[in-house]
């Protein structure tokens, strides 16, 4: 089981109002220079919010939602400071209630 950290907000906020492309391009370039594997993902309508333990978090976030999920807590803390109006937290996966950390409820 691994711990995943997230930044959560409405899809509109994360995908239209913020410059995520720039953040992801810079982060990806930095990882390539350090020969580090990518450890962050953008997930629309994240399925982890359906877990009973996440009901309060889901209720606080405008829908449809999107999450940036990472195994690096420092990156999520940095994003929280950069983006401001987001929810943050963590969860364990795979688990009985969250079998796939990166699953989406949105059809491709």
Protein backbone atom coordinates (compact mmCIF):
# COMPACT_ATOMS: atom_id res chain seq x y z
CA UNK A 1 0.00 0.00 0.00
CA UNK A 2 1.23 3.49 -0.86
CA UNK A 3 0.33 6.94 0.38
CA UNK A 4 -0.95 9.34 -2.25
CA UNK A 5 -1.29 13.08 -1.73
CA UNK A 6 -3.67 15.29 -3.65
CA UNK A 7 -4.73 18.79 -4.56
CA UNK A 8 -8.45 18.90 -5.36
CA UNK A 9 -10.59 21.60 -6.97
CA UNK A 10 -13.28 22.05 -9.57
CA UNK A 11 -12.30 21.07 -13.10
CA UNK A 12 -13.07 24.60 -14.21
CA UNK A 13 -10.62 26.07 -11.72
CA UNK A 14 -7.77 23.62 -12.32
CA UNK A 15 -8.13 23.23 -16.07
CA UNK A 16 -9.29 26.67 -17.21
CA UNK A 17 -8.29 29.25 -14.62
CA UNK A 18 -4.83 27.97 -13.67
CA UNK A 19 -1.76 27.61 -15.87
CA UNK A 20 -1.27 23.90 -15.20
CA UNK A 21 0.37 23.35 -18.58
CA UNK A 22 3.28 25.55 -17.52
CA UNK A 23 3.56 23.86 -14.13
CA UNK A 24 3.54 20.36 -15.66
CA UNK A 25 6.01 21.27 -18.44
CA UNK A 26 8.48 22.74 -15.95
CA UNK A 27 8.07 19.85 -13.52
CA UNK A 28 8.48 17.27 -16.31
CA UNK A 29 11.61 19.01 -17.61
CA UNK A 30 13.04 19.10 -14.10
CA UNK A 31 12.34 15.38 -13.61
CA UNK A 32 13.98 14.53 -16.94
CA UNK A 33 17.10 16.48 -15.97
CA UNK A 34 17.27 14.58 -12.68
CA UNK A 35 16.42 11.27 -14.39
CA UNK A 36 13.49 10.92 -12.00
CA UNK A 37 10.28 9.06 -12.81
CA UNK A 38 7.06 11.07 -13.05
CA UNK A 39 5.18 10.79 -9.75
CA UNK A 40 2.23 13.11 -10.37
CA UNK A 41 -0.96 12.75 -12.37
CA UNK A 42 -3.99 14.85 -13.29
CA UNK A 43 -7.25 12.94 -12.79
CA UNK A 44 -10.65 14.27 -13.81
CA UNK A 45 -13.56 13.12 -11.62
CA UNK A 46 -11.25 11.13 -9.29
CA UNK A 47 -12.81 7.88 -8.11
CA UNK A 48 -11.09 8.07 -4.71
CA UNK A 49 -13.74 10.65 -3.72
CA UNK A 50 -16.35 7.86 -3.76
CA UNK A 51 -14.73 6.16 -0.76
CA UNK A 52 -16.88 6.58 2.38
CA UNK A 53 -13.96 8.20 4.21
CA UNK A 54 -13.83 10.93 1.54
CA UNK A 55 -17.50 11.99 1.75
CA UNK A 56 -16.73 15.23 3.62
CA UNK A 57 -13.97 16.16 1.17
CA UNK A 58 -16.22 15.48 -1.82
CA UNK A 59 -18.97 17.61 -0.28
CA UNK A 60 -16.56 20.56 0.03
CA UNK A 61 -15.43 20.49 -3.61
CA UNK A 62 -17.48 21.88 -6.50
CA UNK A 63 -18.31 19.24 -9.09
CA UNK A 64 -17.15 18.14 -11.55
CA UNK A 65 -13.81 17.94 -9.81
CA UNK A 66 -10.23 17.27 -10.77
CA UNK A 67 -7.23 16.25 -8.71
CA UNK A 68 -3.50 16.35 -9.05
CA UNK A 69 -2.28 13.22 -7.32
CA UNK A 70 1.32 12.55 -6.33
CA UNK A 71 3.44 10.32 -4.17
CA UNK A 72 5.53 13.40 -3.29
CA UNK A 73 4.02 15.37 -0.39
CA UNK A 74 6.40 18.29 -0.98
CA UNK A 75 5.09 18.77 -4.52
CA UNK A 76 1.50 18.84 -3.24
CA UNK A 77 2.43 21.36 -0.53
CA UNK A 78 4.10 23.53 -3.19
CA UNK A 79 0.98 23.28 -5.39
CA UNK A 80 -1.25 24.24 -2.47
CA UNK A 81 0.80 27.39 -1.94
CA UNK A 82 0.85 28.13 -5.68
CA UNK A 83 -2.84 27.49 -6.37
CA UNK A 84 -4.32 28.67 -3.03
CA UNK A 85 -8.02 27.83 -3.49
CA UNK A 86 -7.72 24.04 -3.40
CA UNK A 87 -8.29 21.21 -0.96
CA UNK A 88 -5.42 18.94 -0.02
CA UNK A 89 -5.19 15.60 1.69
CA UNK A 90 -3.91 12.08 1.47
CA UNK A 91 -5.14 8.52 1.19
CA UNK A 92 -3.79 4.98 1.08
CA UNK A 93 -4.14 2.80 -2.00
CA UNK A 94 -4.69 0.11 -2.99
CA UNK A 95 -7.25 -0.48 -0.27
CA UNK A 96 -10.70 -1.99 -0.02
CA UNK A 97 -12.38 1.37 -0.62
CA UNK A 98 -9.76 2.86 -2.98
CA UNK A 99 -8.43 0.01 -5.16
CA UNK A 100 -6.87 2.31 -7.79
CA UNK A 101 -5.43 5.67 -6.73
CA UNK A 102 -5.56 7.09 -10.26
CA UNK A 103 -9.01 5.85 -11.31
CA UNK A 104 -11.47 8.28 -12.85
CA UNK A 105 -15.26 8.22 -12.97
CA UNK A 106 -15.13 10.14 -16.25
CA UNK A 107 -15.29 8.12 -19.43
CA UNK A 108 -12.31 8.61 -21.71
